[in-house]
């Protein structure tokens, strides 16, 4: 079939269409086809650069894309993420992602990221509002719903957050954040058995969830289940060997179970991780004294007090050390007086000081 020739009338209509297109470009900021392709190429380049952690280059590429097409919502969104994740410039990040949702009011992912940005900045009411908008656009957006519940939890809306976690777990029984946070809320509400069940589910489904094992250990300790507590702390350390709180707790638990050498190793690990941990030095002093490593014990007590001169328990233990291990009553009484001056209530010490007139 032959094509119809372009008549003058047809050409005239074609020209006016182009003129109208140019007018729309100038009024609405819509790029020409060539500009649109170039802006998209710059966006793709910026995306690749951000993924390669070349953040300054990504900013340049995305800003160039936006100059070509100022209404490029996706470029504003990505630029905001680059500013936040790569360059840690939260104000610029919020400004660009806000611009993205202004240009594209149905951009659910941008509302989610804006909510997370506000949450990171501690602007919780703004975060809650942005996440509600994400869900208004996309009611089934699971990530936005979880993010909203986390913000409401931070806002102190505990009953709302608790119901939210329960609703999430009905749909996603192994969602780790919901399992962990709901376990905390159940424990705080006195529903410790339910909390333990959730933590069992969490650590079975996500065996490398360190905080899950830590909370499981703490609840076992609270229930005087020392063996289970030790097992859970050790599981946490298997995943994260430098978990200071686990070492510290195991120091006490191993001491309680008559394993002083193991207790010493854990307190030594605490000090390796935090050389200024006064309580760990104090507990090492107690253990060394029990094993008659007297020079080491005195050194640890004095180190604890140098780090924290208000630590009443350290004065008490150092007094006991001088009284019973070194048989130096005068030194013991001086430490006991420091203990009493800092609020110590031990009746034996009070009576001893009265008898000696100290």
Protein backbone atom coordinates (compact mmCIF):
# COMPACT_ATOMS: atom_id res chain seq x y z
CA UNK A 1 0.00 0.00 0.00
CA UNK A 2 1.31 3.41 -0.97
CA UNK A 3 1.59 5.99 1.77
CA UNK A 4 -0.26 9.23 1.29
CA UNK A 5 2.01 12.14 0.47
CA UNK A 6 2.42 14.85 3.05
CA UNK A 7 0.26 17.68 1.86
CA UNK A 8 0.76 21.30 2.83
CA UNK A 9 -2.25 21.04 5.14
CA UNK A 10 -0.84 17.93 6.79
CA UNK A 11 2.58 19.55 7.14
CA UNK A 12 0.96 22.60 8.67
CA UNK A 13 -0.78 20.45 11.32
CA UNK A 14 2.51 18.63 12.03
CA UNK A 15 4.32 21.93 12.51
CA UNK A 16 1.70 23.25 14.90
CA UNK A 17 1.95 20.02 16.91
CA UNK A 18 5.68 20.61 17.31
CA UNK A 19 5.09 24.22 18.25
CA UNK A 20 2.60 23.13 20.93
CA UNK A 21 5.12 20.54 22.18
CA UNK A 22 7.80 23.21 22.50
CA UNK A 23 5.36 25.43 24.41
CA UNK A 24 4.58 22.55 26.80
CA UNK A 25 8.29 21.92 27.29
CA UNK A 26 8.88 25.54 28.23
CA UNK A 27 5.86 25.72 30.57
CA UNK A 28 5.93 22.29 32.23
CA UNK A 29 9.63 21.57 32.12
CA UNK A 30 9.15 18.41 30.04
CA UNK A 31 12.42 17.55 28.31
CA UNK A 32 12.79 16.94 24.64
CA UNK A 33 13.31 13.34 23.60
CA UNK A 34 17.07 13.89 23.39
CA UNK A 35 17.18 15.56 26.81
CA UNK A 36 15.03 12.82 28.31
CA UNK A 37 17.39 10.14 27.01
CA UNK A 38 20.40 12.06 28.31
CA UNK A 39 18.77 12.61 31.72
CA UNK A 40 17.95 8.90 31.94
CA UNK A 41 21.52 7.99 31.02
CA UNK A 42 22.83 10.33 33.73
CA UNK A 43 20.41 8.79 36.23
CA UNK A 44 21.62 5.28 35.34
CA UNK A 45 25.21 6.49 35.65
CA UNK A 46 24.47 7.99 39.06
CA UNK A 47 22.83 4.76 40.18
CA UNK A 48 25.89 2.72 39.15
CA UNK A 49 28.22 5.20 40.87
CA UNK A 50 26.22 5.11 44.10
CA UNK A 51 26.25 1.30 44.06
CA UNK A 52 30.03 1.46 43.65
CA UNK A 53 30.14 3.92 46.61
CA UNK A 54 31.49 6.72 44.40
CA UNK A 55 29.11 9.15 46.03
CA UNK A 56 30.55 12.49 44.92
CA UNK A 57 30.45 11.33 41.30
CA UNK A 58 26.89 10.09 41.79
CA UNK A 59 25.84 13.51 43.11
CA UNK A 60 27.32 15.21 40.03
CA UNK A 61 25.56 12.81 37.63
CA UNK A 62 22.19 13.12 39.35
CA UNK A 63 22.39 16.89 39.63
CA UNK A 64 23.15 16.98 35.91
CA UNK A 65 20.10 14.82 35.21
CA UNK A 66 17.93 17.16 37.29
CA UNK A 67 19.26 20.22 35.46
CA UNK A 68 18.11 18.63 32.20
CA UNK A 69 14.79 17.53 33.69
CA UNK A 70 13.94 19.40 36.92
CA UNK A 71 10.79 17.33 37.44
CA UNK A 72 12.72 14.03 37.44
CA UNK A 73 11.29 12.64 40.70
CA UNK A 74 13.31 9.42 40.63
CA UNK A 75 16.56 11.40 40.32
CA UNK A 76 15.62 13.58 43.30
CA UNK A 77 14.82 10.40 45.28
CA UNK A 78 18.10 8.71 44.44
CA UNK A 79 20.05 11.90 45.10
CA UNK A 80 18.45 12.08 48.54
CA UNK A 81 19.53 8.52 49.29
CA UNK A 82 23.08 9.26 48.13
CA UNK A 83 23.23 12.33 50.38
CA UNK A 84 21.99 10.28 53.33
CA UNK A 85 23.67 6.90 52.93
CA UNK A 86 26.89 8.03 51.31
CA UNK A 87 27.59 11.59 52.41
CA UNK A 88 25.58 11.71 55.67
CA UNK A 89 23.99 15.05 54.80
CA UNK A 90 20.53 14.51 56.22
CA UNK A 91 19.11 17.96 55.48
CA UNK A 92 19.92 17.70 51.77
CA UNK A 93 18.61 14.16 51.72
CA UNK A 94 15.26 15.20 53.22
CA UNK A 95 15.01 18.17 50.84
CA UNK A 96 15.47 16.03 47.72
CA UNK A 97 13.18 13.20 48.79
CA UNK A 98 10.54 15.76 49.76
CA UNK A 99 10.90 17.19 46.26
CA UNK A 100 10.47 13.67 44.83
CA UNK A 101 7.09 13.17 46.54
CA UNK A 102 6.04 16.70 45.63
CA UNK A 103 6.67 15.95 41.96
CA UNK A 104 5.28 12.40 42.17
CA UNK A 105 2.60 12.25 44.93
CA UNK A 106 2.09 8.51 44.39
CA UNK A 107 5.78 7.64 44.95
CA UNK A 108 5.25 5.19 47.84
CA UNK A 109 8.92 4.15 48.12
CA UNK A 110 9.98 7.78 48.44
CA UNK A 111 7.48 8.33 51.26
CA UNK A 112 8.92 5.24 53.01
CA UNK A 113 12.48 6.54 52.70
CA UNK A 114 11.39 10.00 53.83
CA UNK A 115 9.80 8.42 56.90
CA UNK A 116 12.99 6.54 57.69
CA UNK A 117 15.04 9.70 57.26
CA UNK A 118 12.83 11.62 59.67
CA UNK A 119 13.01 8.70 62.11
CA UNK A 120 16.80 8.72 61.92
CA UNK A 121 16.75 12.43 62.71
CA UNK A 122 14.46 11.89 65.69
CA UNK A 123 11.62 13.75 63.98
CA UNK A 124 9.09 11.07 64.84
CA UNK A 125 5.78 12.89 64.15
CA UNK A 126 7.05 13.80 60.67
CA UNK A 127 8.19 10.20 60.17
CA UNK A 128 4.76 8.90 61.18
CA UNK A 129 3.05 11.28 58.75
CA UNK A 130 5.28 10.29 55.82
CA UNK A 131 4.72 6.58 56.48
CA UNK A 132 0.96 7.08 56.65
CA UNK A 133 1.21 8.72 53.22
CA UNK A 134 3.16 5.73 51.89
CA UNK A 135 0.34 3.46 53.06
CA UNK A 136 -2.33 5.76 51.65
CA UNK A 137 -0.67 5.36 48.25
CA UNK A 138 -0.01 1.63 48.65
CA UNK A 139 -2.12 0.09 51.46
CA UNK A 140 -0.42 -3.31 51.18
CA UNK A 141 3.13 -1.97 51.53
CA UNK A 142 4.53 -4.32 54.18
CA UNK A 143 7.84 -2.47 54.65
CA UNK A 144 6.03 0.83 55.20
CA UNK A 145 3.63 -0.75 57.68
CA UNK A 146 6.48 -2.21 59.73
CA UNK A 147 8.33 1.11 59.62
CA UNK A 148 5.18 2.89 60.83
CA UNK A 149 4.76 0.47 63.74
CA UNK A 150 8.41 0.98 64.74
CA UNK A 151 7.93 4.75 64.78
CA UNK A 152 4.71 4.46 66.78
CA UNK A 153 6.56 2.25 69.25
CA UNK A 154 9.22 4.97 69.62
CA UNK A 155 6.48 7.54 70.10
CA UNK A 156 5.26 5.58 73.11
CA UNK A 157 2.07 4.36 71.45
CA UNK A 158 2.65 0.95 72.99
CA UNK A 159 -0.87 -0.59 72.63
CA UNK A 160 -1.00 0.50 68.99
CA UNK A 161 2.50 -0.84 68.33
CA UNK A 162 1.77 -4.14 70.09
CA UNK A 163 -1.33 -4.71 67.94
CA UNK A 164 0.69 -3.74 64.89
CA UNK A 165 3.43 -6.31 65.61
CA UNK A 166 0.78 -8.96 66.19
CA UNK A 167 -0.86 -8.09 62.86
CA UNK A 168 2.47 -8.30 61.04
CA UNK A 169 3.22 -11.72 62.53
CA UNK A 170 -0.13 -13.07 61.40
CA UNK A 171 0.97 -12.35 57.83
CA UNK A 172 4.72 -12.92 58.29
CA UNK A 173 5.24 -15.31 61.25
CA UNK A 174 9.04 -15.07 61.05
CA UNK A 175 9.46 -11.31 60.58
CA UNK A 176 12.53 -10.73 62.81
CA UNK A 177 11.98 -7.12 63.90
CA UNK A 178 8.34 -7.76 64.80
CA UNK A 179 9.26 -10.92 66.75
CA UNK A 180 12.02 -9.15 68.67
CA UNK A 181 10.11 -5.97 69.49
CA UNK A 182 6.93 -7.80 70.43
CA UNK A 183 8.95 -10.03 72.76
CA UNK A 184 10.22 -6.90 74.51
CA UNK A 185 6.69 -5.52 74.84
CA UNK A 186 5.32 -8.83 76.16
CA UNK A 187 8.09 -9.04 78.74
CA UNK A 188 7.43 -5.48 79.88
CA UNK A 189 3.74 -6.32 80.20
CA UNK A 190 4.58 -9.32 82.43
CA UNK A 191 3.88 -11.85 79.67
CA UNK A 192 7.33 -13.40 79.93
CA UNK A 193 6.24 -16.84 78.77
CA UNK A 194 4.87 -15.37 75.54
CA UNK A 195 8.06 -13.35 75.14
CA UNK A 196 10.18 -16.50 75.45
CA UNK A 197 8.06 -18.31 72.87
CA UNK A 198 8.57 -15.45 70.40
CA UNK A 199 12.32 -15.47 71.02
CA UNK A 200 12.46 -19.22 70.47
CA UNK A 201 10.73 -18.70 67.12
CA UNK A 202 13.08 -15.82 66.29
CA UNK A 203 16.32 -17.65 67.04
CA UNK A 204 15.16 -20.82 65.30
CA UNK A 205 14.14 -18.93 62.14
CA UNK A 206 17.08 -16.50 62.31
CA UNK A 207 19.89 -18.31 64.17
CA UNK A 208 22.34 -15.41 63.64
CA UNK A 209 20.10 -12.82 65.30
CA UNK A 210 22.51 -11.68 68.04
CA UNK A 211 20.05 -9.44 69.87
CA UNK A 212 17.51 -12.26 69.89
CA UNK A 213 19.98 -14.54 71.67
CA UNK A 214 20.94 -11.75 74.07
CA UNK A 215 17.34 -11.06 75.06
CA UNK A 216 16.67 -14.78 75.33
CA UNK A 217 19.65 -15.02 77.72
CA UNK A 218 18.47 -12.08 79.84
CA UNK A 219 15.00 -13.56 80.24
CA UNK A 220 16.56 -16.89 81.24
CA UNK A 221 18.68 -15.05 83.83
CA UNK A 222 15.60 -13.29 85.13
CA UNK A 223 13.93 -16.66 85.52
CA UNK A 224 17.00 -18.02 87.35
CA UNK A 225 17.67 -20.44 84.50
CA UNK A 226 21.44 -20.11 84.56
CA UNK A 227 22.26 -22.99 82.21
CA UNK A 228 19.90 -21.69 79.50
CA UNK A 229 21.25 -18.17 80.00
CA UNK A 230 24.84 -19.34 79.55
CA UNK A 231 23.91 -21.28 76.40
CA UNK A 232 22.20 -18.24 74.88
CA UNK A 233 25.03 -15.84 75.72
CA UNK A 234 27.52 -18.28 74.24
CA UNK A 235 25.43 -18.52 71.06
CA UNK A 236 25.52 -14.72 70.83
CA UNK A 237 29.33 -14.77 71.22
CA UNK A 238 29.65 -17.45 68.56
CA UNK A 239 28.00 -15.02 66.13
CA UNK A 240 29.63 -11.85 67.49
CA UNK A 241 32.77 -12.61 69.53
CA UNK A 242 33.19 -8.99 70.63
CA UNK A 243 29.77 -8.74 72.28
CA UNK A 244 30.81 -6.96 75.47
CA UNK A 245 27.54 -7.42 77.37
CA UNK A 246 27.61 -11.17 76.78
CA UNK A 247 31.15 -11.44 78.16
CA UNK A 248 30.20 -9.36 81.19
CA UNK A 249 27.11 -11.46 81.96
CA UNK A 250 29.03 -14.70 81.47
CA UNK A 251 31.68 -13.51 83.92
CA UNK A 252 29.03 -13.41 86.67
CA UNK A 253 27.34 -16.64 85.58
CA UNK A 254 30.58 -18.61 85.41
CA UNK A 255 31.58 -17.25 88.82
CA UNK A 256 28.21 -18.31 90.25
CA UNK A 257 28.71 -21.80 88.84
CA UNK A 258 32.11 -22.16 90.50
CA UNK A 259 34.20 -21.64 87.36
CA UNK A 260 36.48 -18.74 88.37
CA UNK A 261 39.00 -19.27 85.56
CA UNK A 262 36.25 -18.99 82.96
CA UNK A 263 34.82 -15.96 84.77
CA UNK A 264 38.25 -14.27 84.73
CA UNK A 265 38.59 -14.85 80.97
CA UNK A 266 35.26 -13.20 80.29
CA UNK A 267 36.00 -10.15 82.47
CA UNK A 268 39.40 -9.87 80.79
CA UNK A 269 37.60 -9.82 77.45
CA UNK A 270 35.37 -7.01 78.71
CA UNK A 271 38.48 -4.98 79.59
CA UNK A 272 40.08 -5.78 76.24
CA UNK A 273 36.99 -4.33 74.57
CA UNK A 274 36.68 -1.41 77.01
CA UNK A 275 39.79 -0.68 79.06
CA UNK A 276 37.86 1.85 81.17
CA UNK A 277 35.17 -0.58 82.33
CA UNK A 278 35.41 0.02 86.10
CA UNK A 279 32.97 -2.74 87.09
CA UNK A 280 34.92 -5.37 85.15
CA UNK A 281 38.13 -4.34 86.93
CA UNK A 282 36.29 -4.57 90.26
CA UNK A 283 35.02 -8.07 89.54
CA UNK A 284 38.45 -9.21 88.42
CA UNK A 285 39.74 -7.92 91.76
CA UNK A 286 37.22 -10.10 93.61
CA UNK A 287 38.17 -13.17 91.58
CA UNK A 288 41.92 -12.63 91.93
CA UNK A 289 41.52 -12.19 95.69
CA UNK A 290 39.61 -15.45 95.93
CA UNK A 291 42.46 -17.17 94.11
CA UNK A 292 44.98 -15.42 96.38
CA UNK A 293 46.55 -13.47 93.52
CA UNK A 294 46.76 -10.59 95.96
CA UNK A 295 48.93 -8.16 94.01
CA UNK A 296 46.70 -8.51 90.96
CA UNK A 297 43.59 -8.14 93.10
CA UNK A 298 44.77 -4.88 94.70
CA UNK A 299 45.79 -3.55 91.31
CA UNK A 300 42.34 -4.23 89.85
CA UNK A 301 40.53 -2.65 92.81
CA UNK A 302 42.64 0.48 92.59
CA UNK A 303 42.14 0.64 88.84
CA UNK A 304 38.37 0.42 89.30
CA UNK A 305 38.45 3.32 91.77
CA UNK A 306 40.73 5.40 89.54
CA UNK A 307 38.17 5.00 86.75
CA UNK A 308 35.14 5.60 88.97
CA UNK A 309 35.88 7.19 92.37
CA UNK A 310 32.18 7.13 93.28
CA UNK A 311 31.93 3.33 93.00
CA UNK A 312 30.91 2.47 96.59
CA UNK A 313 31.11 -1.28 96.00
CA UNK A 314 34.78 -0.97 95.06
CA UNK A 315 35.61 0.68 98.41
CA UNK A 316 33.70 -2.09 100.20
CA UNK A 317 35.56 -4.86 98.39
CA UNK A 318 38.91 -3.15 98.81
CA UNK A 319 38.16 -2.82 102.56
CA UNK A 320 37.37 -6.54 102.74
CA UNK A 321 40.58 -7.24 100.84
CA UNK A 322 42.69 -5.24 103.32
CA UNK A 323 40.84 -6.63 106.37
CA UNK A 324 40.81 -10.33 105.56
CA UNK A 325 43.53 -10.91 102.95
CA UNK A 326 46.22 -8.46 103.96
CA UNK A 327 45.25 -8.15 107.66
CA UNK A 328 45.69 -4.38 107.53
CA UNK A 329 42.89 -2.97 109.69
CA UNK A 330 43.82 0.68 109.27
CA UNK A 331 43.70 0.50 105.49
CA UNK A 332 40.46 -1.48 105.68
CA UNK A 333 38.80 1.12 107.91
CA UNK A 334 39.76 3.94 105.54
CA UNK A 335 38.13 2.12 102.64
CA UNK A 336 35.06 1.25 104.69
CA UNK A 337 34.64 4.92 105.62
CA UNK A 338 34.75 5.84 101.94
CA UNK A 339 32.11 3.17 101.34
CA UNK A 340 29.80 4.63 104.04
CA UNK A 341 30.39 8.19 102.80
CA UNK A 342 29.07 7.10 99.42
CA UNK A 343 25.84 5.67 100.80
CA UNK A 344 26.93 2.19 101.84
CA UNK A 345 24.45 0.47 104.23
CA UNK A 346 26.25 -2.69 105.36
CA UNK A 347 25.48 -3.05 109.12
CA UNK A 348 28.71 -4.90 109.94
CA UNK A 349 30.74 -2.06 108.46
CA UNK A 350 28.67 0.57 110.26
CA UNK A 351 29.13 -1.22 113.59
CA UNK A 352 32.85 -1.75 112.99
CA UNK A 353 33.39 1.94 112.31
CA UNK A 354 31.44 2.86 115.47
CA UNK A 355 33.48 0.47 117.63
CA UNK A 356 36.77 1.81 116.32
CA UNK A 357 35.64 5.42 116.55
CA UNK A 358 36.35 6.00 112.89
